[in-house]
Amino acid sequence: MSTDPIIRRFRTWAIAEGWSFLVLLLVAMPLKYLAEWPLGVKVVGWAHGVLFIGYWITATPLFTKLKWDVERIVGLGLASVLPFGTFVMERKWLR
């Protein structure tokens, strides 16, 4: 695990964002459509939105201070919108 505090902070946000996305897709969405309980999507969706914004705020220093290249910027973008993407990215680039 990297000791750089910028990477540690981002890694924490990336994992949290990844879990919130999976909970939204695999728990809240089925509850909304199968159990007619839309409140789950509202709550989990809001939390996921906050974590998604935090993900990108904490990613900014990776490009500005650590000078990551464009390939990694695109990779972080794809990882943030694909299920399990943040977990794959975390293993590939952050450990």
N, C-alpha and C. Protein backbone atom coordinates (compact mmCIF):
# COMPACT_ATOMS: atom_id res chain seq x y z
N MET A 1 0.84 -1.18 0.00
CA MET A 1 0.00 0.00 0.00
C MET A 1 0.88 1.23 0.00
N SER A 2 0.50 2.20 -0.78
CA SER A 2 1.27 3.42 -0.89
C SER A 2 1.21 4.23 0.39
N THR A 3 2.31 4.90 0.69
CA THR A 3 2.34 5.74 1.88
C THR A 3 2.04 7.19 1.55
N ASP A 4 1.90 7.54 0.28
CA ASP A 4 1.60 8.91 -0.11
C ASP A 4 0.20 9.28 0.38
N PRO A 5 0.07 10.36 1.17
CA PRO A 5 -1.25 10.71 1.72
C PRO A 5 -2.28 11.07 0.64
N ILE A 6 -1.83 11.61 -0.48
CA ILE A 6 -2.76 11.93 -1.57
C ILE A 6 -3.39 10.65 -2.10
N ILE A 7 -2.58 9.64 -2.32
CA ILE A 7 -3.08 8.37 -2.84
C ILE A 7 -3.94 7.66 -1.80
N ARG A 8 -3.52 7.68 -0.54
CA ARG A 8 -4.32 7.05 0.53
C ARG A 8 -5.70 7.68 0.62
N ARG A 9 -5.76 9.00 0.57
CA ARG A 9 -7.05 9.70 0.66
C ARG A 9 -7.94 9.32 -0.52
N PHE A 10 -7.36 9.37 -1.72
CA PHE A 10 -8.15 9.02 -2.91
C PHE A 10 -8.60 7.57 -2.86
N ARG A 11 -7.72 6.69 -2.43
CA ARG A 11 -8.06 5.26 -2.35
C ARG A 11 -9.27 5.04 -1.45
N THR A 12 -9.32 5.73 -0.32
CA THR A 12 -10.45 5.62 0.60
C THR A 12 -11.74 6.06 -0.08
N TRP A 13 -11.71 7.20 -0.76
CA TRP A 13 -12.89 7.70 -1.46
C TRP A 13 -13.30 6.77 -2.60
N ALA A 14 -12.31 6.23 -3.33
CA ALA A 14 -12.61 5.34 -4.45
C ALA A 14 -13.32 4.07 -3.99
N ILE A 15 -12.85 3.50 -2.90
CA ILE A 15 -13.48 2.28 -2.38
C ILE A 15 -14.89 2.58 -1.89
N ALA A 16 -15.06 3.68 -1.17
CA ALA A 16 -16.39 4.06 -0.68
C ALA A 16 -17.34 4.33 -1.84
N GLU A 17 -16.86 5.01 -2.87
CA GLU A 17 -17.69 5.30 -4.05
C GLU A 17 -18.07 4.00 -4.76
N GLY A 18 -17.13 3.08 -4.85
CA GLY A 18 -17.42 1.79 -5.49
C GLY A 18 -18.48 1.00 -4.75
N TRP A 19 -18.38 0.97 -3.43
CA TRP A 19 -19.40 0.26 -2.63
C TRP A 19 -20.76 0.93 -2.75
N SER A 20 -20.78 2.26 -2.73
CA SER A 20 -22.07 2.94 -2.82
C SER A 20 -22.74 2.68 -4.17
N PHE A 21 -21.94 2.59 -5.23
CA PHE A 21 -22.48 2.30 -6.56
C PHE A 21 -23.07 0.89 -6.59
N LEU A 22 -22.36 -0.06 -6.00
CA LEU A 22 -22.87 -1.44 -5.98
C LEU A 22 -24.15 -1.55 -5.15
N VAL A 23 -24.20 -0.87 -4.01
CA VAL A 23 -25.41 -0.89 -3.18
C VAL A 23 -26.57 -0.26 -3.95
N LEU A 24 -26.28 0.82 -4.66
CA LEU A 24 -27.33 1.47 -5.46
C LEU A 24 -27.86 0.52 -6.52
N LEU A 25 -26.95 -0.13 -7.25
CA LEU A 25 -27.38 -1.01 -8.34
C LEU A 25 -27.98 -2.33 -7.87
N LEU A 26 -27.40 -2.93 -6.84
CA LEU A 26 -27.79 -4.28 -6.46
C LEU A 26 -28.79 -4.37 -5.31
N VAL A 27 -28.97 -3.28 -4.58
CA VAL A 27 -29.91 -3.31 -3.45
C VAL A 27 -31.03 -2.29 -3.67
N ALA A 28 -30.66 -1.03 -3.81
CA ALA A 28 -31.68 0.03 -3.86
C ALA A 28 -32.54 -0.04 -5.12
N MET A 29 -31.93 -0.27 -6.27
CA MET A 29 -32.72 -0.33 -7.51
C MET A 29 -33.70 -1.51 -7.50
N PRO A 30 -33.27 -2.72 -7.13
CA PRO A 30 -34.25 -3.80 -7.05
C PRO A 30 -35.37 -3.53 -6.04
N LEU A 31 -35.03 -2.90 -4.91
CA LEU A 31 -36.08 -2.55 -3.95
C LEU A 31 -37.08 -1.56 -4.53
N LYS A 32 -36.58 -0.64 -5.34
CA LYS A 32 -37.47 0.35 -5.95
C LYS A 32 -38.45 -0.32 -6.92
N TYR A 33 -37.93 -1.19 -7.77
CA TYR A 33 -38.77 -1.74 -8.82
C TYR A 33 -39.47 -3.04 -8.45
N LEU A 34 -38.90 -3.83 -7.57
CA LEU A 34 -39.52 -5.11 -7.21
C LEU A 34 -40.38 -5.00 -5.97
N ALA A 35 -40.00 -4.14 -5.03
CA ALA A 35 -40.75 -4.01 -3.78
C ALA A 35 -41.49 -2.68 -3.69
N GLU A 36 -41.42 -1.90 -4.77
CA GLU A 36 -42.08 -0.59 -4.82
C GLU A 36 -41.69 0.27 -3.61
N TRP A 37 -40.38 0.34 -3.36
CA TRP A 37 -39.85 1.12 -2.24
C TRP A 37 -38.79 2.10 -2.78
N PRO A 38 -39.23 3.25 -3.33
CA PRO A 38 -38.30 4.19 -3.96
C PRO A 38 -37.41 4.97 -2.99
N LEU A 39 -37.73 4.96 -1.72
CA LEU A 39 -36.93 5.71 -0.75
C LEU A 39 -35.48 5.23 -0.71
N GLY A 40 -35.27 3.96 -0.92
CA GLY A 40 -33.90 3.42 -0.92
C GLY A 40 -33.03 4.07 -1.98
N VAL A 41 -33.59 4.24 -3.18
CA VAL A 41 -32.83 4.88 -4.26
C VAL A 41 -32.57 6.34 -3.93
N LYS A 42 -33.54 6.98 -3.31
CA LYS A 42 -33.35 8.39 -2.95
C LYS A 42 -32.20 8.55 -1.96
N VAL A 43 -32.19 7.74 -0.93
CA VAL A 43 -31.16 7.86 0.12
C VAL A 43 -29.81 7.38 -0.39
N VAL A 44 -29.77 6.19 -0.95
CA VAL A 44 -28.50 5.63 -1.43
C VAL A 44 -27.99 6.44 -2.62
N GLY A 45 -28.88 6.88 -3.48
CA GLY A 45 -28.48 7.69 -4.63
C GLY A 45 -27.86 9.01 -4.20
N TRP A 46 -28.44 9.63 -3.18
CA TRP A 46 -27.88 10.88 -2.68
C TRP A 46 -26.49 10.64 -2.09
N ALA A 47 -26.34 9.60 -1.29
CA ALA A 47 -25.04 9.27 -0.70
C ALA A 47 -24.01 8.96 -1.78
N HIS A 48 -24.43 8.21 -2.79
CA HIS A 48 -23.53 7.89 -3.89
C HIS A 48 -23.11 9.16 -4.62
N GLY A 49 -24.02 10.07 -4.81
CA GLY A 49 -23.69 11.34 -5.48
C GLY A 49 -22.64 12.12 -4.71
N VAL A 50 -22.77 12.18 -3.40
CA VAL A 50 -21.78 12.87 -2.57
C VAL A 50 -20.42 12.17 -2.68
N LEU A 51 -20.43 10.85 -2.62
CA LEU A 51 -19.17 10.10 -2.73
C LEU A 51 -18.55 10.23 -4.12
N PHE A 52 -19.38 10.31 -5.16
CA PHE A 52 -18.88 10.50 -6.53
C PHE A 52 -18.18 11.85 -6.66
N ILE A 53 -18.77 12.88 -6.09
CA ILE A 53 -18.15 14.21 -6.12
C ILE A 53 -16.84 14.19 -5.32
N GLY A 54 -16.86 13.55 -4.15
CA GLY A 54 -15.64 13.42 -3.36
C GLY A 54 -14.55 12.66 -4.08
N TYR A 55 -14.95 11.65 -4.84
CA TYR A 55 -14.01 10.86 -5.65
C TYR A 55 -13.24 11.78 -6.59
N TRP A 56 -13.96 12.65 -7.29
CA TRP A 56 -13.30 13.53 -8.26
C TRP A 56 -12.53 14.66 -7.59
N ILE A 57 -13.01 15.15 -6.46
CA ILE A 57 -12.26 16.18 -5.74
C ILE A 57 -10.93 15.61 -5.24
N THR A 58 -10.96 14.39 -4.71
CA THR A 58 -9.72 13.79 -4.22
C THR A 58 -8.85 13.26 -5.36
N ALA A 59 -9.41 13.10 -6.56
CA ALA A 59 -8.61 12.69 -7.72
C ALA A 59 -7.81 13.85 -8.30
N THR A 60 -8.28 15.05 -8.13
CA THR A 60 -7.62 16.22 -8.73
C THR A 60 -6.13 16.32 -8.40
N PRO A 61 -5.72 16.15 -7.13
CA PRO A 61 -4.27 16.23 -6.85
C PRO A 61 -3.44 15.14 -7.53
N LEU A 62 -4.06 14.04 -7.91
CA LEU A 62 -3.31 13.01 -8.63
C LEU A 62 -2.79 13.55 -9.95
N PHE A 63 -3.55 14.44 -10.56
CA PHE A 63 -3.16 15.00 -11.86
C PHE A 63 -2.36 16.28 -11.71
N THR A 64 -2.68 17.08 -10.70
CA THR A 64 -2.01 18.36 -10.54
C THR A 64 -0.68 18.23 -9.79
N LYS A 65 -0.67 17.49 -8.70
CA LYS A 65 0.55 17.37 -7.89
C LYS A 65 1.41 16.18 -8.26
N LEU A 66 0.77 15.05 -8.52
CA LEU A 66 1.53 13.84 -8.84
C LEU A 66 1.75 13.67 -10.34
N LYS A 67 1.14 14.52 -11.15
CA LYS A 67 1.35 14.56 -12.61
C LYS A 67 1.02 13.24 -13.31
N TRP A 68 -0.12 12.64 -12.91
CA TRP A 68 -0.56 11.45 -13.63
C TRP A 68 -0.91 11.82 -15.06
N ASP A 69 -0.74 10.87 -15.99
CA ASP A 69 -0.97 11.15 -17.41
C ASP A 69 -2.44 11.04 -17.80
N VAL A 70 -2.73 11.40 -19.04
CA VAL A 70 -4.10 11.42 -19.57
C VAL A 70 -4.72 10.03 -19.55
N GLU A 71 -3.94 8.99 -19.80
CA GLU A 71 -4.46 7.62 -19.79
C GLU A 71 -5.09 7.30 -18.43
N ARG A 72 -4.45 7.75 -17.38
CA ARG A 72 -5.00 7.48 -16.05
C ARG A 72 -6.23 8.33 -15.76
N ILE A 73 -6.28 9.54 -16.28
CA ILE A 73 -7.48 10.37 -16.11
C ILE A 73 -8.67 9.66 -16.74
N VAL A 74 -8.49 9.17 -17.95
CA VAL A 74 -9.55 8.43 -18.64
C VAL A 74 -9.89 7.17 -17.87
N GLY A 75 -8.88 6.48 -17.36
CA GLY A 75 -9.10 5.26 -16.57
C GLY A 75 -9.91 5.52 -15.32
N LEU A 76 -9.62 6.63 -14.62
CA LEU A 76 -10.40 6.97 -13.43
C LEU A 76 -11.83 7.30 -13.80
N GLY A 77 -12.01 7.96 -14.94
CA GLY A 77 -13.37 8.28 -15.40
C GLY A 77 -14.17 7.03 -15.69
N LEU A 78 -13.57 6.09 -16.40
CA LEU A 78 -14.25 4.83 -16.70
C LEU A 78 -14.51 4.03 -15.43
N ALA A 79 -13.54 4.01 -14.54
CA ALA A 79 -13.69 3.25 -13.29
C ALA A 79 -14.85 3.80 -12.47
N SER A 80 -15.09 5.09 -12.55
CA SER A 80 -16.14 5.69 -11.71
C SER A 80 -17.55 5.39 -12.21
N VAL A 81 -17.70 4.95 -13.45
CA VAL A 81 -19.05 4.69 -13.98
C VAL A 81 -19.31 3.22 -14.29
N LEU A 82 -18.32 2.36 -14.10
CA LEU A 82 -18.50 0.93 -14.34
C LEU A 82 -18.61 0.18 -13.00
N PRO A 83 -19.56 -0.72 -12.89
CA PRO A 83 -19.62 -1.53 -11.66
C PRO A 83 -18.28 -2.25 -11.44
N PHE A 84 -17.79 -2.25 -10.25
CA PHE A 84 -16.52 -2.84 -9.84
C PHE A 84 -15.31 -2.11 -10.41
N GLY A 85 -15.53 -1.04 -11.17
CA GLY A 85 -14.43 -0.31 -11.80
C GLY A 85 -13.46 0.30 -10.81
N THR A 86 -13.98 0.88 -9.74
CA THR A 86 -13.07 1.51 -8.76
C THR A 86 -12.23 0.46 -8.05
N PHE A 87 -12.74 -0.74 -7.87
CA PHE A 87 -11.97 -1.79 -7.20
C PHE A 87 -10.84 -2.29 -8.10
N VAL A 88 -11.11 -2.44 -9.39
CA VAL A 88 -10.08 -2.85 -10.35
C VAL A 88 -9.01 -1.77 -10.44
N MET A 89 -9.43 -0.51 -10.56
CA MET A 89 -8.49 0.61 -10.65
C MET A 89 -7.65 0.70 -9.39
N GLU A 90 -8.24 0.50 -8.24
CA GLU A 90 -7.52 0.58 -6.97
C GLU A 90 -6.41 -0.48 -6.92
N ARG A 91 -6.71 -1.66 -7.37
CA ARG A 91 -5.69 -2.72 -7.38
C ARG A 91 -4.60 -2.45 -8.40
N LYS A 92 -4.98 -1.91 -9.55
CA LYS A 92 -4.02 -1.72 -10.64
C LYS A 92 -3.07 -0.54 -10.38
N TRP A 93 -3.61 0.59 -9.89
CA TRP A 93 -2.80 1.81 -9.82
C TRP A 93 -2.49 2.31 -8.41
N LEU A 94 -3.21 1.87 -7.41
CA LEU A 94 -3.06 2.51 -6.10
C LEU A 94 -2.37 1.65 -5.04
N ARG A 95 -2.12 0.41 -5.33
CA ARG A 95 -1.46 -0.43 -4.31
C ARG A 95 0.02 -0.46 -4.54
